[in-house]
Amino acid sequence: MERIWQEINRIPLVVMELLLGFALFWLGQLAYQKLFRRMNLNLQLFVRDNSAVPE
């Protein structure tokens, strides 16, 4: 029974680690887009009709 309570007490730590991982991933993705994405997506998709540009 003690082992079960130990595992239950770890749940908040696991949830916090998952949230931190998603937050860091999101920040990294945002930073990458700001630093390396120099094109105007609407211009590429609709004016130049470039279907190779990912959405």
PDB file of N, CA and C in Angstrom:
ATOM      1  N   MET A   1       0.819  -1.203   0.000  1.00  0.00           N
ATOM      2  CA  MET A   1       0.000   0.000   0.000  1.00  0.00           C
ATOM      3  C   MET A   1       0.863   1.267   0.000  1.00  0.00           C
ATOM      4  N   GLU A   2       1.978   1.183   0.685  1.00  0.00           N
ATOM      5  CA  GLU A   2       2.893   2.336   0.732  1.00  0.00           C
ATOM      6  C   GLU A   2       3.433   2.665  -0.666  1.00  0.00           C
ATOM      7  N   ARG A   3       3.703   1.623  -1.424  1.00  0.00           N
ATOM      8  CA  ARG A   3       4.224   1.806  -2.788  1.00  0.00           C
ATOM      9  C   ARG A   3       3.213   2.549  -3.662  1.00  0.00           C
ATOM     10  N   ILE A   4       1.954   2.256  -3.506  1.00  0.00           N
ATOM     11  CA  ILE A   4       0.900   2.922  -4.287  1.00  0.00           C
ATOM     12  C   ILE A   4       0.871   4.409  -3.965  1.00  0.00           C
ATOM     13  N   TRP A   5       0.964   4.749  -2.684  1.00  0.00           N
ATOM     14  CA  TRP A   5       0.944   6.167  -2.298  1.00  0.00           C
ATOM     15  C   TRP A   5       2.181   6.906  -2.809  1.00  0.00           C
ATOM     16  N   GLN A   6       3.308   6.215  -2.853  1.00  0.00           N
ATOM     17  CA  GLN A   6       4.516   6.838  -3.403  1.00  0.00           C
ATOM     18  C   GLN A   6       4.320   7.169  -4.876  1.00  0.00           C
ATOM     19  N   GLU A   7       3.722   6.258  -5.604  1.00  0.00           N
ATOM     20  CA  GLU A   7       3.476   6.497  -7.029  1.00  0.00           C
ATOM     21  C   GLU A   7       2.456   7.610  -7.239  1.00  0.00           C
ATOM     22  N   ILE A   8       1.424   7.647  -6.421  1.00  0.00           N
ATOM     23  CA  ILE A   8       0.408   8.700  -6.536  1.00  0.00           C
ATOM     24  C   ILE A   8       1.021  10.063  -6.231  1.00  0.00           C
ATOM     25  N   ASN A   9       1.936  10.112  -5.277  1.00  0.00           N
ATOM     26  CA  ASN A   9       2.579  11.375  -4.916  1.00  0.00           C
ATOM     27  C   ASN A   9       3.515  11.889  -6.002  1.00  0.00           C
ATOM     28  N   ARG A  10       3.911  11.035  -6.929  1.00  0.00           N
ATOM     29  CA  ARG A  10       4.779  11.450  -8.038  1.00  0.00           C
ATOM     30  C   ARG A  10       4.006  12.078  -9.196  1.00  0.00           C
ATOM     31  N   ILE A  11       2.711  11.926  -9.224  1.00  0.00           N
ATOM     32  CA  ILE A  11       1.912  12.417 -10.350  1.00  0.00           C
ATOM     33  C   ILE A  11       2.099  13.923 -10.580  1.00  0.00           C
ATOM     34  N   PRO A  12       2.058  14.774  -9.553  1.00  0.00           N
ATOM     35  CA  PRO A  12       2.267  16.207  -9.819  1.00  0.00           C
ATOM     36  C   PRO A  12       3.635  16.508 -10.444  1.00  0.00           C
ATOM     37  N   LEU A  13       4.660  15.785 -10.019  1.00  0.00           N
ATOM     38  CA  LEU A  13       5.992  15.995 -10.593  1.00  0.00           C
ATOM     39  C   LEU A  13       6.014  15.611 -12.072  1.00  0.00           C
ATOM     40  N   VAL A  14       5.393  14.506 -12.407  1.00  0.00           N
ATOM     41  CA  VAL A  14       5.349  14.058 -13.800  1.00  0.00           C
ATOM     42  C   VAL A  14       4.578  15.065 -14.659  1.00  0.00           C
ATOM     43  N   VAL A  15       3.466  15.548 -14.142  1.00  0.00           N
ATOM     44  CA  VAL A  15       2.664  16.533 -14.885  1.00  0.00           C
ATOM     45  C   VAL A  15       3.466  17.815 -15.097  1.00  0.00           C
ATOM     46  N   MET A  16       4.172  18.266 -14.060  1.00  0.00           N
ATOM     47  CA  MET A  16       4.986  19.476 -14.191  1.00  0.00           C
ATOM     48  C   MET A  16       6.109  19.289 -15.211  1.00  0.00           C
ATOM     49  N   GLU A  17       6.733  18.118 -15.227  1.00  0.00           N
ATOM     50  CA  GLU A  17       7.783  17.851 -16.206  1.00  0.00           C
ATOM     51  C   GLU A  17       7.229  17.859 -17.630  1.00  0.00           C
ATOM     52  N   LEU A  18       6.057  17.286 -17.821  1.00  0.00           N
ATOM     53  CA  LEU A  18       5.441  17.295 -19.148  1.00  0.00           C
ATOM     54  C   LEU A  18       5.104  18.715 -19.591  1.00  0.00           C
ATOM     55  N   LEU A  19       4.523  19.503 -18.685  1.00  0.00           N
ATOM     56  CA  LEU A  19       4.187  20.888 -19.025  1.00  0.00           C
ATOM     57  C   LEU A  19       5.433  21.702 -19.338  1.00  0.00           C
ATOM     58  N   LEU A  20       6.488  21.510 -18.561  1.00  0.00           N
ATOM     59  CA  LEU A  20       7.739  22.214 -18.821  1.00  0.00           C
ATOM     60  C   LEU A  20       8.323  21.807 -20.172  1.00  0.00           C
ATOM     61  N   GLY A  21       8.249  20.529 -20.492  1.00  0.00           N
ATOM     62  CA  GLY A  21       8.747  20.064 -21.790  1.00  0.00           C
ATOM     63  C   GLY A  21       7.983  20.680 -22.953  1.00  0.00           C
ATOM     64  N   PHE A  22       6.653  20.722 -22.850  1.00  0.00           N
ATOM     65  CA  PHE A  22       5.865  21.343 -23.914  1.00  0.00           C
ATOM     66  C   PHE A  22       6.133  22.838 -24.008  1.00  0.00           C
ATOM     67  N   ALA A  23       6.298  23.496 -22.865  1.00  0.00           N
ATOM     68  CA  ALA A  23       6.571  24.937 -22.868  1.00  0.00           C
ATOM     69  C   ALA A  23       7.921  25.234 -23.518  1.00  0.00           C
ATOM     70  N   LEU A  24       8.936  24.445 -23.193  1.00  0.00           N
ATOM     71  CA  LEU A  24      10.248  24.658 -23.806  1.00  0.00           C
ATOM     72  C   LEU A  24      10.217  24.370 -25.299  1.00  0.00           C
ATOM     73  N   PHE A  25       9.493  23.335 -25.695  1.00  0.00           N
ATOM     74  CA  PHE A  25       9.352  23.033 -27.119  1.00  0.00           C
ATOM     75  C   PHE A  25       8.678  24.186 -27.841  1.00  0.00           C
ATOM     76  N   TRP A  26       7.613  24.738 -27.256  1.00  0.00           N
ATOM     77  CA  TRP A  26       6.881  25.838 -27.875  1.00  0.00           C
ATOM     78  C   TRP A  26       7.768  27.077 -27.987  1.00  0.00           C
ATOM     79  N   LEU A  27       8.528  27.381 -26.937  1.00  0.00           N
ATOM     80  CA  LEU A  27       9.431  28.535 -26.984  1.00  0.00           C
ATOM     81  C   LEU A  27      10.512  28.352 -28.047  1.00  0.00           C
ATOM     82  N   GLY A  28      11.039  27.142 -28.153  1.00  0.00           N
ATOM     83  CA  GLY A  28      12.045  26.869 -29.180  1.00  0.00           C
ATOM     84  C   GLY A  28      11.478  27.002 -30.579  1.00  0.00           C
ATOM     85  N   GLN A  29      10.268  26.533 -30.768  1.00  0.00           N
ATOM     86  CA  GLN A  29       9.616  26.649 -32.078  1.00  0.00           C
ATOM     87  C   GLN A  29       9.365  28.110 -32.419  1.00  0.00           C
ATOM     88  N   LEU A  30       8.914  28.880 -31.447  1.00  0.00           N
ATOM     89  CA  LEU A  30       8.674  30.312 -31.667  1.00  0.00           C
ATOM     90  C   LEU A  30       9.969  31.033 -32.002  1.00  0.00           C
ATOM     91  N   ALA A  31      11.036  30.734 -31.271  1.00  0.00           N
ATOM     92  CA  ALA A  31      12.331  31.365 -31.535  1.00  0.00           C
ATOM     93  C   ALA A  31      12.838  30.994 -32.931  1.00  0.00           C
ATOM     94  N   TYR A  32      12.697  29.740 -33.314  1.00  0.00           N
ATOM     95  CA  TYR A  32      13.133  29.313 -34.641  1.00  0.00           C
ATOM     96  C   TYR A  32      12.375  30.051 -35.739  1.00  0.00           C
ATOM     97  N   GLN A  33      11.063  30.172 -35.567  1.00  0.00           N
ATOM     98  CA  GLN A  33      10.268  30.871 -36.571  1.00  0.00           C
ATOM     99  C   GLN A  33      10.649  32.336 -36.661  1.00  0.00           C
ATOM    100  N   LYS A  34      10.945  32.960 -35.540  1.00  0.00           N
ATOM    101  CA  LYS A  34      11.321  34.376 -35.553  1.00  0.00           C
ATOM    102  C   LYS A  34      12.704  34.583 -36.156  1.00  0.00           C
ATOM    103  N   LEU A  35      13.620  33.658 -35.944  1.00  0.00           N
ATOM    104  CA  LEU A  35      14.987  33.825 -36.420  1.00  0.00           C
ATOM    105  C   LEU A  35      15.178  33.394 -37.867  1.00  0.00           C
ATOM    106  N   PHE A  36      14.566  32.298 -38.273  1.00  0.00           N
ATOM    107  CA  PHE A  36      14.905  31.704 -39.561  1.00  0.00           C
ATOM    108  C   PHE A  36      13.792  31.748 -40.594  1.00  0.00           C
ATOM    109  N   ARG A  37      12.652  32.254 -40.265  1.00  0.00           N
ATOM    110  CA  ARG A  37      11.558  32.299 -41.229  1.00  0.00           C
ATOM    111  C   ARG A  37      11.466  33.712 -41.776  1.00  0.00           C
ATOM    112  N   ARG A  38      12.125  33.970 -42.870  1.00  0.00           N
ATOM    113  CA  ARG A  38      12.222  35.316 -43.437  1.00  0.00           C
ATOM    114  C   ARG A  38      11.244  35.564 -44.589  1.00  0.00           C
ATOM    115  N   MET A  39      10.355  34.626 -44.865  1.00  0.00           N
ATOM    116  CA  MET A  39       9.443  34.826 -45.989  1.00  0.00           C
ATOM    117  C   MET A  39       8.048  35.168 -45.491  1.00  0.00           C
ATOM    118  N   ASN A  40       7.305  35.812 -46.329  1.00  0.00           N
ATOM    119  CA  ASN A  40       5.923  36.138 -46.030  1.00  0.00           C
ATOM    120  C   ASN A  40       5.069  34.983 -46.550  1.00  0.00           C
ATOM    121  N   LEU A  41       4.486  34.230 -45.628  1.00  0.00           N
ATOM    122  CA  LEU A  41       3.771  33.015 -46.011  1.00  0.00           C
ATOM    123  C   LEU A  41       2.573  33.314 -46.908  1.00  0.00           C
ATOM    124  N   ASN A  42       1.823  34.358 -46.620  1.00  0.00           N
ATOM    125  CA  ASN A  42       0.668  34.689 -47.460  1.00  0.00           C
ATOM    126  C   ASN A  42       1.108  35.051 -48.877  1.00  0.00           C
ATOM    127  N   LEU A  43       2.204  35.759 -49.009  1.00  0.00           N
ATOM    128  CA  LEU A  43       2.716  36.105 -50.334  1.00  0.00           C
ATOM    129  C   LEU A  43       3.099  34.846 -51.100  1.00  0.00           C
ATOM    130  N   GLN A  44       3.793  33.927 -50.444  1.00  0.00           N
ATOM    131  CA  GLN A  44       4.222  32.702 -51.109  1.00  0.00           C
ATOM    132  C   GLN A  44       3.044  31.813 -51.513  1.00  0.00           C
ATOM    133  N   LEU A  45       2.036  31.722 -50.657  1.00  0.00           N
ATOM    134  CA  LEU A  45       0.935  30.803 -50.932  1.00  0.00           C
ATOM    135  C   LEU A  45      -0.074  31.350 -51.928  1.00  0.00           C
ATOM    136  N   PHE A  46      -0.413  32.625 -51.821  1.00  0.00           N
ATOM    137  CA  PHE A  46      -1.542  33.140 -52.597  1.00  0.00           C
ATOM    138  C   PHE A  46      -1.124  33.994 -53.795  1.00  0.00           C
ATOM    139  N   VAL A  47      -0.079  34.759 -53.685  1.00  0.00           N
ATOM    140  CA  VAL A  47       0.334  35.608 -54.802  1.00  0.00           C
ATOM    141  C   VAL A  47       1.207  34.809 -55.766  1.00  0.00           C
ATOM    142  N   ARG A  48       2.195  34.122 -55.227  1.00  0.00           N
ATOM    143  CA  ARG A  48       3.109  33.358 -56.076  1.00  0.00           C
ATOM    144  C   ARG A  48       2.617  31.938 -56.321  1.00  0.00           C
ATOM    145  N   ASP A  49       1.556  31.511 -55.615  1.00  0.00           N
ATOM    146  CA  ASP A  49       0.960  30.180 -55.767  1.00  0.00           C
ATOM    147  C   ASP A  49       2.007  29.084 -55.618  1.00  0.00           C
ATOM    148  N   ASN A  50       2.821  29.185 -54.579  1.00  0.00           N
ATOM    149  CA  ASN A  50       3.881  28.228 -54.311  1.00  0.00           C
ATOM    150  C   ASN A  50       3.328  27.111 -53.437  1.00  0.00           C
ATOM    151  N   SER A  51       3.046  25.971 -54.025  1.00  0.00           N
ATOM    152  CA  SER A  51       2.460  24.861 -53.259  1.00  0.00           C
ATOM    153  C   SER A  51       3.502  24.107 -52.446  1.00  0.00           C
ATOM    154  N   ALA A  52       4.785  24.414 -52.632  1.00  0.00           N
ATOM    155  CA  ALA A  52       5.842  23.739 -51.877  1.00  0.00           C
ATOM    156  C   ALA A  52       6.015  24.323 -50.491  1.00  0.00           C
ATOM    157  N   VAL A  53       5.431  25.469 -50.222  1.00  0.00           N
ATOM    158  CA  VAL A  53       5.548  26.094 -48.910  1.00  0.00           C
ATOM    159  C   VAL A  53       4.653  25.353 -47.934  1.00  0.00           C
ATOM    160  N   PRO A  54       5.226  24.840 -46.837  1.00  0.00           N
ATOM    161  CA  PRO A  54       4.378  24.134 -45.871  1.00  0.00           C
ATOM    162  C   PRO A  54       3.477  25.097 -45.122  1.00  0.00           C
ATOM    163  N   GLU A  55       2.347  24.588 -44.695  1.00  0.00           N
ATOM    164  CA  GLU A  55       1.403  25.422 -43.953  1.00  0.00           C
ATOM    165  C   GLU A  55       1.808  25.508 -42.516  1.00  0.00           C
TER     166      GLU A  55
END
